[in-house]
Amino acid sequence: MQRLIVRYKVKPDRASENQHYVEKVFEELRQNSPPGLRYATFKQNDGVTFIHLVSIETDTNPLPKLPAFQAFQAEIKERCEEQPVVTDLEEVGSYHFFDN
């Protein structure tokens, strides 16, 4: 099992575009329901900082195979003011956070 947090800051004029890409990823996830994936995206109050929480409970991450995720990542570097930072997480404890 792998758990990650990804944080980045987009350019102010690209925030709505980035959110649109993220929403498309979640639409595709709802349609395809890949097993072993738990995924959430949050936007901070500044409107430009995005945080993704990912739990991958299978041997491979299904996200890179999704066309919507590929489109989201295609120009991420150009959209960002601060590039994505991926951090592996080790769970110490949780309460209903990763439950169904």
N, C-alpha and C. Protein backbone atom coordinates (compact mmCIF):
# COMPACT_ATOMS: atom_id res chain seq x y z
N MET A 1 0.85 -1.17 0.00
CA MET A 1 0.00 0.00 0.00
C MET A 1 0.90 1.24 0.00
N GLN A 2 0.49 2.21 -0.78
CA GLN A 2 1.23 3.46 -0.85
C GLN A 2 0.28 4.62 -0.60
N ARG A 3 0.72 5.55 0.23
CA ARG A 3 -0.07 6.74 0.49
C ARG A 3 0.81 7.96 0.22
N LEU A 4 0.24 8.90 -0.51
CA LEU A 4 0.99 10.07 -0.95
C LEU A 4 0.20 11.34 -0.71
N ILE A 5 0.94 12.42 -0.56
CA ILE A 5 0.35 13.75 -0.60
C ILE A 5 1.12 14.52 -1.67
N VAL A 6 0.38 15.23 -2.50
CA VAL A 6 0.98 16.04 -3.55
C VAL A 6 0.48 17.47 -3.35
N ARG A 7 1.42 18.40 -3.31
CA ARG A 7 1.07 19.80 -3.10
C ARG A 7 1.73 20.65 -4.17
N TYR A 8 0.98 21.60 -4.70
CA TYR A 8 1.52 22.52 -5.70
C TYR A 8 0.68 23.79 -5.72
N LYS A 9 1.24 24.81 -6.32
CA LYS A 9 0.57 26.11 -6.41
C LYS A 9 0.53 26.51 -7.88
N VAL A 10 -0.66 26.77 -8.38
CA VAL A 10 -0.80 27.18 -9.78
C VAL A 10 -0.76 28.70 -9.91
N LYS A 11 -0.49 29.15 -11.10
CA LYS A 11 -0.53 30.59 -11.38
C LYS A 11 -1.98 31.04 -11.25
N PRO A 12 -2.20 32.23 -10.69
CA PRO A 12 -3.58 32.68 -10.44
C PRO A 12 -4.48 32.63 -11.67
N ASP A 13 -3.96 32.95 -12.84
CA ASP A 13 -4.78 32.95 -14.04
C ASP A 13 -5.02 31.55 -14.59
N ARG A 14 -4.45 30.51 -13.94
CA ARG A 14 -4.63 29.13 -14.40
C ARG A 14 -5.37 28.26 -13.38
N ALA A 15 -5.83 28.86 -12.28
CA ALA A 15 -6.47 28.10 -11.21
C ALA A 15 -7.76 27.43 -11.67
N SER A 16 -8.61 28.14 -12.39
CA SER A 16 -9.87 27.54 -12.82
C SER A 16 -9.62 26.44 -13.86
N GLU A 17 -8.62 26.65 -14.70
CA GLU A 17 -8.25 25.62 -15.67
C GLU A 17 -7.78 24.36 -14.96
N ASN A 18 -6.95 24.53 -13.94
CA ASN A 18 -6.46 23.38 -13.19
C ASN A 18 -7.61 22.66 -12.50
N GLN A 19 -8.51 23.41 -11.89
CA GLN A 19 -9.65 22.80 -11.22
C GLN A 19 -10.50 22.02 -12.22
N HIS A 20 -10.66 22.55 -13.41
CA HIS A 20 -11.42 21.85 -14.45
C HIS A 20 -10.78 20.50 -14.77
N TYR A 21 -9.47 20.48 -14.93
CA TYR A 21 -8.77 19.22 -15.19
C TYR A 21 -8.98 18.23 -14.05
N VAL A 22 -8.88 18.71 -12.82
CA VAL A 22 -9.07 17.85 -11.65
C VAL A 22 -10.49 17.27 -11.65
N GLU A 23 -11.47 18.12 -11.91
CA GLU A 23 -12.87 17.65 -11.95
C GLU A 23 -13.06 16.58 -13.01
N LYS A 24 -12.41 16.72 -14.15
CA LYS A 24 -12.50 15.71 -15.22
C LYS A 24 -11.91 14.38 -14.77
N VAL A 25 -10.83 14.43 -13.99
CA VAL A 25 -10.25 13.19 -13.46
C VAL A 25 -11.26 12.49 -12.57
N PHE A 26 -11.92 13.24 -11.69
CA PHE A 26 -12.90 12.62 -10.80
C PHE A 26 -14.12 12.10 -11.55
N GLU A 27 -14.52 12.77 -12.61
CA GLU A 27 -15.61 12.25 -13.45
C GLU A 27 -15.22 10.89 -14.03
N GLU A 28 -14.00 10.81 -14.55
CA GLU A 28 -13.56 9.54 -15.14
C GLU A 28 -13.41 8.46 -14.07
N LEU A 29 -12.94 8.83 -12.89
CA LEU A 29 -12.84 7.84 -11.81
C LEU A 29 -14.21 7.30 -11.43
N ARG A 30 -15.21 8.18 -11.36
CA ARG A 30 -16.57 7.71 -11.04
C ARG A 30 -17.10 6.78 -12.12
N GLN A 31 -16.76 7.03 -13.36
CA GLN A 31 -17.22 6.18 -14.46
C GLN A 31 -16.52 4.83 -14.46
N ASN A 32 -15.22 4.82 -14.17
CA ASN A 32 -14.43 3.58 -14.30
C ASN A 32 -14.24 2.83 -13.00
N SER A 33 -14.34 3.49 -11.87
CA SER A 33 -14.18 2.88 -10.54
C SER A 33 -12.99 1.93 -10.45
N PRO A 34 -11.77 2.43 -10.68
CA PRO A 34 -10.62 1.52 -10.58
C PRO A 34 -10.46 1.00 -9.15
N PRO A 35 -10.23 -0.30 -9.02
CA PRO A 35 -10.10 -0.88 -7.68
C PRO A 35 -8.81 -0.45 -7.00
N GLY A 36 -8.86 -0.39 -5.68
CA GLY A 36 -7.66 -0.15 -4.90
C GLY A 36 -7.17 1.28 -4.89
N LEU A 37 -8.01 2.23 -5.27
CA LEU A 37 -7.60 3.63 -5.29
C LEU A 37 -8.54 4.46 -4.43
N ARG A 38 -7.95 5.26 -3.58
CA ARG A 38 -8.69 6.26 -2.81
C ARG A 38 -7.98 7.57 -3.09
N TYR A 39 -8.76 8.58 -3.44
CA TYR A 39 -8.15 9.80 -3.97
C TYR A 39 -9.03 10.99 -3.64
N ALA A 40 -8.41 12.05 -3.17
CA ALA A 40 -9.14 13.28 -2.86
C ALA A 40 -8.25 14.47 -3.22
N THR A 41 -8.88 15.53 -3.69
CA THR A 41 -8.17 16.76 -4.00
C THR A 41 -8.83 17.91 -3.26
N PHE A 42 -8.00 18.78 -2.72
CA PHE A 42 -8.47 19.94 -1.97
C PHE A 42 -7.80 21.19 -2.52
N LYS A 43 -8.50 22.30 -2.40
CA LYS A 43 -7.94 23.59 -2.77
C LYS A 43 -7.92 24.45 -1.51
N GLN A 44 -6.77 25.06 -1.25
CA GLN A 44 -6.67 25.91 -0.07
C GLN A 44 -7.40 27.23 -0.30
N ASN A 45 -7.62 27.97 0.78
CA ASN A 45 -8.36 29.22 0.71
C ASN A 45 -7.73 30.27 -0.19
N ASP A 46 -6.45 30.14 -0.50
CA ASP A 46 -5.81 31.10 -1.39
C ASP A 46 -6.28 30.93 -2.84
N GLY A 47 -6.96 29.82 -3.11
CA GLY A 47 -7.52 29.57 -4.44
C GLY A 47 -6.54 29.06 -5.47
N VAL A 48 -5.26 28.94 -5.10
CA VAL A 48 -4.25 28.51 -6.08
C VAL A 48 -3.40 27.33 -5.60
N THR A 49 -3.53 26.96 -4.34
CA THR A 49 -2.76 25.83 -3.81
C THR A 49 -3.66 24.61 -3.77
N PHE A 50 -3.20 23.54 -4.41
CA PHE A 50 -3.96 22.29 -4.49
C PHE A 50 -3.20 21.21 -3.74
N ILE A 51 -3.96 20.36 -3.06
CA ILE A 51 -3.39 19.23 -2.33
C ILE A 51 -4.17 17.98 -2.73
N HIS A 52 -3.43 16.98 -3.14
CA HIS A 52 -4.02 15.69 -3.52
C HIS A 52 -3.58 14.65 -2.49
N LEU A 53 -4.53 13.88 -1.97
CA LEU A 53 -4.25 12.75 -1.10
C LEU A 53 -4.57 11.49 -1.86
N VAL A 54 -3.62 10.57 -1.89
CA VAL A 54 -3.77 9.36 -2.70
C VAL A 54 -3.43 8.15 -1.85
N SER A 55 -4.27 7.14 -1.92
CA SER A 55 -3.99 5.85 -1.31
C SER A 55 -4.11 4.80 -2.41
N ILE A 56 -3.02 4.11 -2.66
CA ILE A 56 -2.98 3.08 -3.71
C ILE A 56 -2.84 1.74 -3.00
N GLU A 57 -3.85 0.92 -3.12
CA GLU A 57 -3.91 -0.34 -2.39
C GLU A 57 -3.68 -1.53 -3.30
N THR A 58 -3.20 -1.27 -4.51
CA THR A 58 -2.87 -2.33 -5.47
C THR A 58 -1.39 -2.19 -5.85
N ASP A 59 -0.89 -3.13 -6.65
CA ASP A 59 0.52 -3.09 -7.04
C ASP A 59 0.86 -1.94 -7.97
N THR A 60 -0.12 -1.48 -8.74
CA THR A 60 0.14 -0.39 -9.68
C THR A 60 -0.86 0.74 -9.48
N ASN A 61 -0.40 1.93 -9.73
CA ASN A 61 -1.24 3.12 -9.62
C ASN A 61 -2.10 3.23 -10.88
N PRO A 62 -3.42 3.19 -10.76
CA PRO A 62 -4.28 3.26 -11.94
C PRO A 62 -4.40 4.67 -12.54
N LEU A 63 -4.02 5.70 -11.80
CA LEU A 63 -4.20 7.07 -12.28
C LEU A 63 -3.51 7.36 -13.62
N PRO A 64 -2.24 7.00 -13.80
CA PRO A 64 -1.56 7.35 -15.05
C PRO A 64 -2.19 6.74 -16.31
N LYS A 65 -3.02 5.74 -16.14
CA LYS A 65 -3.67 5.10 -17.29
C LYS A 65 -4.92 5.85 -17.74
N LEU A 66 -5.43 6.75 -16.92
CA LEU A 66 -6.67 7.46 -17.24
C LEU A 66 -6.39 8.62 -18.20
N PRO A 67 -7.12 8.70 -19.32
CA PRO A 67 -6.93 9.83 -20.25
C PRO A 67 -7.11 11.19 -19.58
N ALA A 68 -8.06 11.32 -18.67
CA ALA A 68 -8.28 12.61 -17.99
C ALA A 68 -7.08 12.98 -17.12
N PHE A 69 -6.46 11.98 -16.49
CA PHE A 69 -5.29 12.25 -15.66
C PHE A 69 -4.09 12.61 -16.54
N GLN A 70 -3.98 11.95 -17.68
CA GLN A 70 -2.92 12.29 -18.63
C GLN A 70 -3.07 13.73 -19.12
N ALA A 71 -4.30 14.15 -19.40
CA ALA A 71 -4.56 15.53 -19.82
C ALA A 71 -4.23 16.50 -18.69
N PHE A 72 -4.57 16.14 -17.46
CA PHE A 72 -4.28 16.97 -16.29
C PHE A 72 -2.77 17.18 -16.15
N GLN A 73 -2.00 16.13 -16.35
CA GLN A 73 -0.55 16.22 -16.17
C GLN A 73 0.18 16.83 -17.36
N ALA A 74 -0.44 16.86 -18.51
CA ALA A 74 0.24 17.27 -19.75
C ALA A 74 0.93 18.62 -19.65
N GLU A 75 0.29 19.60 -19.07
CA GLU A 75 0.88 20.94 -18.99
C GLU A 75 0.97 21.44 -17.54
N ILE A 76 1.09 20.51 -16.61
CA ILE A 76 1.09 20.91 -15.20
C ILE A 76 2.25 21.85 -14.89
N LYS A 77 3.41 21.62 -15.46
CA LYS A 77 4.56 22.48 -15.18
C LYS A 77 4.30 23.92 -15.61
N GLU A 78 3.63 24.09 -16.74
CA GLU A 78 3.33 25.43 -17.24
C GLU A 78 2.27 26.13 -16.40
N ARG A 79 1.35 25.34 -15.80
CA ARG A 79 0.29 25.93 -14.98
C ARG A 79 0.77 26.34 -13.59
N CYS A 80 1.90 25.77 -13.17
CA CYS A 80 2.32 25.94 -11.78
C CYS A 80 3.26 27.11 -11.55
N GLU A 81 3.00 27.75 -10.43
CA GLU A 81 3.92 28.74 -9.88
C GLU A 81 4.92 28.03 -8.98
N GLU A 82 4.44 27.02 -8.23
CA GLU A 82 5.28 26.13 -7.44
C GLU A 82 5.00 24.71 -7.93
N GLN A 83 6.04 24.02 -8.36
CA GLN A 83 5.89 22.70 -8.95
C GLN A 83 5.39 21.68 -7.92
N PRO A 84 4.75 20.62 -8.39
CA PRO A 84 4.25 19.59 -7.47
C PRO A 84 5.38 18.95 -6.65
N VAL A 85 5.09 18.79 -5.38
CA VAL A 85 5.98 18.07 -4.48
C VAL A 85 5.22 16.84 -4.00
N VAL A 86 5.78 15.67 -4.26
CA VAL A 86 5.16 14.41 -3.88
C VAL A 86 5.87 13.89 -2.64
N THR A 87 5.09 13.57 -1.62
CA THR A 87 5.64 13.06 -0.37
C THR A 87 4.96 11.75 -0.03
N ASP A 88 5.77 10.70 0.21
CA ASP A 88 5.24 9.43 0.70
C ASP A 88 4.83 9.60 2.15
N LEU A 89 3.71 9.00 2.52
CA LEU A 89 3.19 9.11 3.87
C LEU A 89 3.16 7.75 4.54
N GLU A 90 3.48 7.74 5.82
CA GLU A 90 3.33 6.54 6.63
C GLU A 90 2.24 6.84 7.65
N GLU A 91 1.16 6.06 7.57
CA GLU A 91 0.04 6.31 8.48
C GLU A 91 0.41 5.97 9.91
N VAL A 92 0.14 6.90 10.78
CA VAL A 92 0.34 6.70 12.21
C VAL A 92 -0.99 6.31 12.84
N GLY A 93 -2.04 6.91 12.33
CA GLY A 93 -3.38 6.61 12.81
C GLY A 93 -4.39 7.39 11.99
N SER A 94 -5.60 6.90 11.92
CA SER A 94 -6.67 7.61 11.23
C SER A 94 -8.00 7.17 11.81
N TYR A 95 -9.00 7.96 11.56
CA TYR A 95 -10.33 7.61 12.02
C TYR A 95 -11.28 7.79 10.85
N HIS A 96 -11.73 6.72 10.26
CA HIS A 96 -12.65 6.69 9.12
C HIS A 96 -12.14 7.45 7.89
N PHE A 97 -10.84 7.76 7.86
CA PHE A 97 -10.32 8.55 6.76
C PHE A 97 -10.24 7.77 5.46
N PHE A 98 -9.85 6.52 5.55
CA PHE A 98 -9.73 5.71 4.36
C PHE A 98 -10.80 4.61 4.29
N ASP A 99 -11.83 4.70 5.13
CA ASP A 99 -12.93 3.75 5.10
C ASP A 99 -13.89 4.08 3.97
N ASN A 100 -14.71 3.11 3.57
CA ASN A 100 -15.76 3.35 2.58
C ASN A 100 -16.88 4.13 3.18
